[in-house]
Amino acid sequence: MSTTNGRTAEGAEIATIDPSNLATYTDTKHSYSIKYPKGWEKSDSSDDPALTNVRFSGDSGFGSTQAFPNTAESLGGKPKSLEGLVDVFIDGYKSTFEAFEVKRKRDMTLPNEHSGIAMDLHIKSQVEDGNQTVEIPMRGKAVFALANETVYDLLIVVPQFNYTSTAEDGMEKIIASLTIK
């Protein structure tokens, strides 16, 4: 399916992330907030009281955010620096997705002057569709931050066919919205 400005070649509008229509999620336990697309459903998926793992999903993609203590134990003995944390997460993502490629990595200053590392991603994921497995190419953005001895990870992903300039703007606005108090 080819797309131009959020429409298929046949002219039908596709779901995308609208940067002007975002809601705010706040985690008071770990003192952070993020923006996410209005209308996306939120679900908490952490069984561990020391961390949060919140997932947002909608027709145009999904996002997740995690916050947990920055301890050598929680990171499998890996380095506690921001660069070291990013390497740990990249290894984790590579084992989660069929294919995972970092296209661009850059420093980012988040609200409240916290430092972060942002990445633009190309991902392939496999999903079950009836009796067959379908591979879906996706585009993503992630940001990682380390503050108050807590690791923050925000990932937003959309299927390639939903990736438009509007979705790109929305995804960038979402990762830049990570506010650590």
C-alpha atoms as a PDB file:
ATOM      1  CA  MET A   1       0.000   0.000   0.000  1.00  0.00           C
ATOM      2  CA  SER A   2       1.511   3.338  -0.991  1.00  0.00           C
ATOM      3  CA  THR A   3       0.725   6.465   0.984  1.00  0.00           C
ATOM      4  CA  THR A   4       0.918  10.198   0.428  1.00  0.00           C
ATOM      5  CA  ASN A   5       0.119  12.686   3.170  1.00  0.00           C
ATOM      6  CA  GLY A   6      -1.853  10.169   5.218  1.00  0.00           C
ATOM      7  CA  ARG A   7      -3.899   8.744   2.316  1.00  0.00           C
ATOM      8  CA  THR A   8      -3.608   5.474   0.411  1.00  0.00           C
ATOM      9  CA  ALA A   9      -3.072   5.483  -3.352  1.00  0.00           C
ATOM     10  CA  GLU A  10      -6.820   4.948  -3.621  1.00  0.00           C
ATOM     11  CA  GLY A  11      -7.467   8.155  -1.630  1.00  0.00           C
ATOM     12  CA  ALA A  12      -8.702   6.499   1.596  1.00  0.00           C
ATOM     13  CA  GLU A  13      -7.476   8.140   4.803  1.00  0.00           C
ATOM     14  CA  ILE A  14      -5.231   5.985   7.003  1.00  0.00           C
ATOM     15  CA  ALA A  15      -4.857   6.142  10.753  1.00  0.00           C
ATOM     16  CA  THR A  16      -1.847   8.152  11.869  1.00  0.00           C
ATOM     17  CA  ILE A  17      -0.517   9.901  14.940  1.00  0.00           C
ATOM     18  CA  ASP A  18      -1.810  13.458  15.120  1.00  0.00           C
ATOM     19  CA  PRO A  19       0.689  15.651  17.027  1.00  0.00           C
ATOM     20  CA  SER A  20      -2.088  18.134  17.870  1.00  0.00           C
ATOM     21  CA  ASN A  21      -4.303  15.504  19.534  1.00  0.00           C
ATOM     22  CA  LEU A  22      -2.296  14.075  22.434  1.00  0.00           C
ATOM     23  CA  ALA A  23      -3.275  13.198  25.996  1.00  0.00           C
ATOM     24  CA  THR A  24      -0.959  13.117  29.032  1.00  0.00           C
ATOM     25  CA  TYR A  25      -0.121  10.088  31.159  1.00  0.00           C
ATOM     26  CA  THR A  26       1.434  10.761  34.580  1.00  0.00           C
ATOM     27  CA  ASP A  27       3.137   8.194  36.794  1.00  0.00           C
ATOM     28  CA  THR A  28       3.252   9.657  40.314  1.00  0.00           C
ATOM     29  CA  LYS A  29       5.279   6.763  41.765  1.00  0.00           C
ATOM     30  CA  HIS A  30       8.218   7.328  39.416  1.00  0.00           C
ATOM     31  CA  SER A  31       7.556  11.060  38.903  1.00  0.00           C
ATOM     32  CA  TYR A  32       7.309  11.298  35.137  1.00  0.00           C
ATOM     33  CA  SER A  33       4.789  12.142  32.465  1.00  0.00           C
ATOM     34  CA  ILE A  34       4.515  11.546  28.722  1.00  0.00           C
ATOM     35  CA  LYS A  35       2.189  12.437  25.881  1.00  0.00           C
ATOM     36  CA  TYR A  36       0.399   9.754  23.874  1.00  0.00           C
ATOM     37  CA  PRO A  37      -2.272   9.794  21.131  1.00  0.00           C
ATOM     38  CA  LYS A  38      -5.788  10.459  22.420  1.00  0.00           C
ATOM     39  CA  GLY A  39      -7.976   7.435  21.866  1.00  0.00           C
ATOM     40  CA  TRP A  40      -5.198   4.912  22.414  1.00  0.00           C
ATOM     41  CA  GLU A  41      -5.922   2.434  25.180  1.00  0.00           C
ATOM     42  CA  LYS A  42      -3.613   2.267  28.189  1.00  0.00           C
ATOM     43  CA  SER A  43      -2.683  -0.941  29.987  1.00  0.00           C
ATOM     44  CA  ASP A  44      -0.276  -1.583  32.837  1.00  0.00           C
ATOM     45  CA  SER A  45       1.728  -4.732  32.335  1.00  0.00           C
ATOM     46  CA  SER A  46       4.192  -4.902  35.188  1.00  0.00           C
ATOM     47  CA  ASP A  47       4.047  -7.535  37.890  1.00  0.00           C
ATOM     48  CA  ASP A  48       7.098  -6.038  39.597  1.00  0.00           C
ATOM     49  CA  PRO A  49       6.218  -3.259  42.095  1.00  0.00           C
ATOM     50  CA  ALA A  50       9.675  -1.690  41.600  1.00  0.00           C
ATOM     51  CA  LEU A  51       8.967  -0.779  37.981  1.00  0.00           C
ATOM     52  CA  THR A  52       6.255   0.443  35.677  1.00  0.00           C
ATOM     53  CA  ASN A  53       5.599  -0.885  32.229  1.00  0.00           C
ATOM     54  CA  VAL A  54       2.744   0.990  30.619  1.00  0.00           C
ATOM     55  CA  ARG A  55       1.603   0.208  27.088  1.00  0.00           C
ATOM     56  CA  PHE A  56      -0.546   2.330  24.812  1.00  0.00           C
ATOM     57  CA  SER A  57      -2.125   0.957  21.661  1.00  0.00           C
ATOM     58  CA  GLY A  58      -4.424   2.115  18.906  1.00  0.00           C
ATOM     59  CA  ASP A  59      -5.217   1.574  15.252  1.00  0.00           C
ATOM     60  CA  SER A  60      -2.130   3.471  14.088  1.00  0.00           C
ATOM     61  CA  GLY A  61       0.520   1.807  16.281  1.00  0.00           C
ATOM     62  CA  PHE A  62       1.642   1.267  19.848  1.00  0.00           C
ATOM     63  CA  GLY A  63       3.863   2.783  22.469  1.00  0.00           C
ATOM     64  CA  SER A  64       5.294   1.723  25.764  1.00  0.00           C
ATOM     65  CA  THR A  65       7.083   3.352  28.617  1.00  0.00           C
ATOM     66  CA  GLN A  66       9.062   1.832  31.456  1.00  0.00           C
ATOM     67  CA  ALA A  67      10.611   3.221  34.590  1.00  0.00           C
ATOM     68  CA  PHE A  68      12.633   1.157  37.027  1.00  0.00           C
ATOM     69  CA  PRO A  69      15.488   1.484  39.520  1.00  0.00           C
ATOM     70  CA  ASN A  70      18.938   1.771  37.961  1.00  0.00           C
ATOM     71  CA  THR A  71      20.658  -1.105  39.703  1.00  0.00           C
ATOM     72  CA  ALA A  72      23.299  -3.483  38.410  1.00  0.00           C
ATOM     73  CA  GLU A  73      20.955  -6.339  39.344  1.00  0.00           C
ATOM     74  CA  SER A  74      18.059  -4.953  37.273  1.00  0.00           C
ATOM     75  CA  LEU A  75      20.422  -4.467  34.324  1.00  0.00           C
ATOM     76  CA  GLY A  76      22.086  -7.864  34.498  1.00  0.00           C
ATOM     77  CA  GLY A  77      25.323  -6.396  35.858  1.00  0.00           C
ATOM     78  CA  LYS A  78      25.677  -3.980  32.910  1.00  0.00           C
ATOM     79  CA  PRO A  79      27.035  -0.420  33.164  1.00  0.00           C
ATOM     80  CA  LYS A  80      24.898   2.175  34.889  1.00  0.00           C
ATOM     81  CA  SER A  81      25.735   5.036  32.485  1.00  0.00           C
ATOM     82  CA  LEU A  82      23.134   6.330  30.024  1.00  0.00           C
ATOM     83  CA  GLU A  83      25.154   4.985  27.064  1.00  0.00           C
ATOM     84  CA  GLY A  84      25.450   1.604  28.813  1.00  0.00           C
ATOM     85  CA  LEU A  85      21.706   1.558  29.448  1.00  0.00           C
ATOM     86  CA  VAL A  86      20.943   2.226  25.800  1.00  0.00           C
ATOM     87  CA  ASP A  87      23.140  -0.729  24.810  1.00  0.00           C
ATOM     88  CA  VAL A  88      21.243  -2.981  27.245  1.00  0.00           C
ATOM     89  CA  PHE A  89      17.891  -1.906  25.788  1.00  0.00           C
ATOM     90  CA  ILE A  90      19.077  -2.299  22.190  1.00  0.00           C
ATOM     91  CA  ASP A  91      20.113  -5.881  23.000  1.00  0.00           C
ATOM     92  CA  GLY A  92      16.674  -6.458  24.560  1.00  0.00           C
ATOM     93  CA  TYR A  93      14.849  -5.014  21.560  1.00  0.00           C
ATOM     94  CA  LYS A  94      16.916  -7.140  19.185  1.00  0.00           C
ATOM     95  CA  SER A  95      15.727 -10.258  20.999  1.00  0.00           C
ATOM     96  CA  THR A  96      12.100  -9.032  20.963  1.00  0.00           C
ATOM     97  CA  PHE A  97      11.717  -8.074  17.292  1.00  0.00           C
ATOM     98  CA  GLU A  98      12.415 -10.079  14.143  1.00  0.00           C
ATOM     99  CA  ALA A  99      14.705  -7.287  12.919  1.00  0.00           C
ATOM    100  CA  PHE A 100      15.824  -4.160  14.749  1.00  0.00           C
ATOM    101  CA  GLU A 101      18.008  -1.431  13.276  1.00  0.00           C
ATOM    102  CA  VAL A 102      19.017   1.906  14.778  1.00  0.00           C
ATOM    103  CA  LYS A 103      18.928   4.407  11.910  1.00  0.00           C
ATOM    104  CA  ARG A 104      19.913   7.478  13.893  1.00  0.00           C
ATOM    105  CA  LYS A 105      21.039   8.035  17.475  1.00  0.00           C
ATOM    106  CA  ARG A 106      21.274  11.495  19.008  1.00  0.00           C
ATOM    107  CA  ASP A 107      21.475  13.350  22.298  1.00  0.00           C
ATOM    108  CA  MET A 108      18.257  15.042  23.388  1.00  0.00           C
ATOM    109  CA  THR A 109      17.503  17.514  26.153  1.00  0.00           C
ATOM    110  CA  LEU A 110      14.155  16.653  27.712  1.00  0.00           C
ATOM    111  CA  PRO A 111      11.866  18.991  29.652  1.00  0.00           C
ATOM    112  CA  ASN A 112      13.297  19.923  33.066  1.00  0.00           C
ATOM    113  CA  GLU A 113      16.766  19.805  31.431  1.00  0.00           C
ATOM    114  CA  HIS A 114      17.230  16.035  31.774  1.00  0.00           C
ATOM    115  CA  SER A 115      19.588  14.445  29.255  1.00  0.00           C
ATOM    116  CA  GLY A 116      18.330  11.690  27.020  1.00  0.00           C
ATOM    117  CA  ILE A 117      19.407   9.609  24.075  1.00  0.00           C
ATOM    118  CA  ALA A 118      16.899   9.395  21.222  1.00  0.00           C
ATOM    119  CA  MET A 119      16.866   6.892  18.380  1.00  0.00           C
ATOM    120  CA  ASP A 120      15.067   6.479  15.084  1.00  0.00           C
ATOM    121  CA  LEU A 121      14.351   2.807  14.427  1.00  0.00           C
ATOM    122  CA  HIS A 122      13.416   0.413  11.644  1.00  0.00           C
ATOM    123  CA  ILE A 123      11.806  -2.725  13.021  1.00  0.00           C
ATOM    124  CA  LYS A 124      10.194  -5.875  11.679  1.00  0.00           C
ATOM    125  CA  SER A 125       7.744  -7.681  13.910  1.00  0.00           C
ATOM    126  CA  GLN A 126       5.936 -10.944  13.414  1.00  0.00           C
ATOM    127  CA  VAL A 127       2.271 -11.316  14.327  1.00  0.00           C
ATOM    128  CA  GLU A 128      -0.073 -14.260  14.098  1.00  0.00           C
ATOM    129  CA  ASP A 129      -2.929 -13.775  11.637  1.00  0.00           C
ATOM    130  CA  GLY A 130      -5.146 -16.836  11.745  1.00  0.00           C
ATOM    131  CA  ASN A 131      -2.991 -19.809  10.799  1.00  0.00           C
ATOM    132  CA  GLN A 132      -0.108 -17.792   9.391  1.00  0.00           C
ATOM    133  CA  THR A 133       2.651 -15.543  10.644  1.00  0.00           C
ATOM    134  CA  VAL A 134       2.814 -12.113   9.039  1.00  0.00           C
ATOM    135  CA  GLU A 135       5.895  -9.908   9.107  1.00  0.00           C
ATOM    136  CA  ILE A 136       5.136  -6.211   9.580  1.00  0.00           C
ATOM    137  CA  PRO A 137       7.762  -3.565   8.846  1.00  0.00           C
ATOM    138  CA  MET A 138       7.518  -0.707  11.348  1.00  0.00           C
ATOM    139  CA  ARG A 139       9.106   2.646  12.078  1.00  0.00           C
ATOM    140  CA  GLY A 140       9.849   3.715  15.617  1.00  0.00           C
ATOM    141  CA  LYS A 141      11.371   6.282  17.896  1.00  0.00           C
ATOM    142  CA  ALA A 142      12.724   5.752  21.377  1.00  0.00           C
ATOM    143  CA  VAL A 143      14.195   7.906  24.105  1.00  0.00           C
ATOM    144  CA  PHE A 144      16.140   6.813  27.168  1.00  0.00           C
ATOM    145  CA  ALA A 145      16.953   8.882  30.233  1.00  0.00           C
ATOM    146  CA  LEU A 146      18.586   8.313  33.574  1.00  0.00           C
ATOM    147  CA  ALA A 147      17.536  10.517  36.497  1.00  0.00           C
ATOM    148  CA  ASN A 148      17.235  10.101  40.255  1.00  0.00           C
ATOM    149  CA  GLU A 149      18.775   6.619  39.907  1.00  0.00           C
ATOM    150  CA  THR A 150      15.829   5.576  37.737  1.00  0.00           C
ATOM    151  CA  VAL A 151      15.925   4.399  34.118  1.00  0.00           C
ATOM    152  CA  TYR A 152      13.244   5.787  31.783  1.00  0.00           C
ATOM    153  CA  ASP A 153      12.516   4.189  28.403  1.00  0.00           C
ATOM    154  CA  LEU A 154       9.855   5.467  25.995  1.00  0.00           C
ATOM    155  CA  LEU A 155       9.222   3.664  22.684  1.00  0.00           C
ATOM    156  CA  ILE A 156       6.660   4.585  20.032  1.00  0.00           C
ATOM    157  CA  VAL A 157       6.144   2.423  16.923  1.00  0.00           C
ATOM    158  CA  VAL A 158       3.875   2.594  13.867  1.00  0.00           C
ATOM    159  CA  PRO A 159       3.486   0.183  10.954  1.00  0.00           C
ATOM    160  CA  GLN A 160       5.410   1.346   7.873  1.00  0.00           C
ATOM    161  CA  PHE A 161       2.160   1.876   5.944  1.00  0.00           C
ATOM    162  CA  ASN A 162       1.002   4.365   8.633  1.00  0.00           C
ATOM    163  CA  TYR A 163       4.286   6.261   8.615  1.00  0.00           C
ATOM    164  CA  THR A 164       3.681   9.753   7.235  1.00  0.00           C
ATOM    165  CA  SER A 165       5.205  13.143   7.895  1.00  0.00           C
ATOM    166  CA  THR A 166       2.336  13.767  10.348  1.00  0.00           C
ATOM    167  CA  ALA A 167       3.132  10.500  12.167  1.00  0.00           C
ATOM    168  CA  GLU A 168       6.833  11.462  12.192  1.00  0.00           C
ATOM    169  CA  ASP A 169       5.981  14.820  13.816  1.00  0.00           C
ATOM    170  CA  GLY A 170       3.707  13.119  16.358  1.00  0.00           C
ATOM    171  CA  MET A 171       6.288  10.491  17.272  1.00  0.00           C
ATOM    172  CA  GLU A 172       8.968  13.145  17.744  1.00  0.00           C
ATOM    173  CA  LYS A 173       6.613  15.195  19.932  1.00  0.00           C
ATOM    174  CA  ILE A 174       5.840  12.101  22.041  1.00  0.00           C
ATOM    175  CA  ILE A 175       9.473  11.173  22.738  1.00  0.00           C
ATOM    176  CA  ALA A 176      10.309  14.832  23.471  1.00  0.00           C
ATOM    177  CA  SER A 177       7.431  14.950  25.972  1.00  0.00           C
ATOM    178  CA  LEU A 178       9.103  12.676  28.558  1.00  0.00           C
ATOM    179  CA  THR A 179       9.112  14.920  31.603  1.00  0.00           C
ATOM    180  CA  ILE A 180      10.919  13.709  34.713  1.00  0.00           C
ATOM    181  CA  LYS A 181      10.122  15.625  37.877  1.00  0.00           C
END
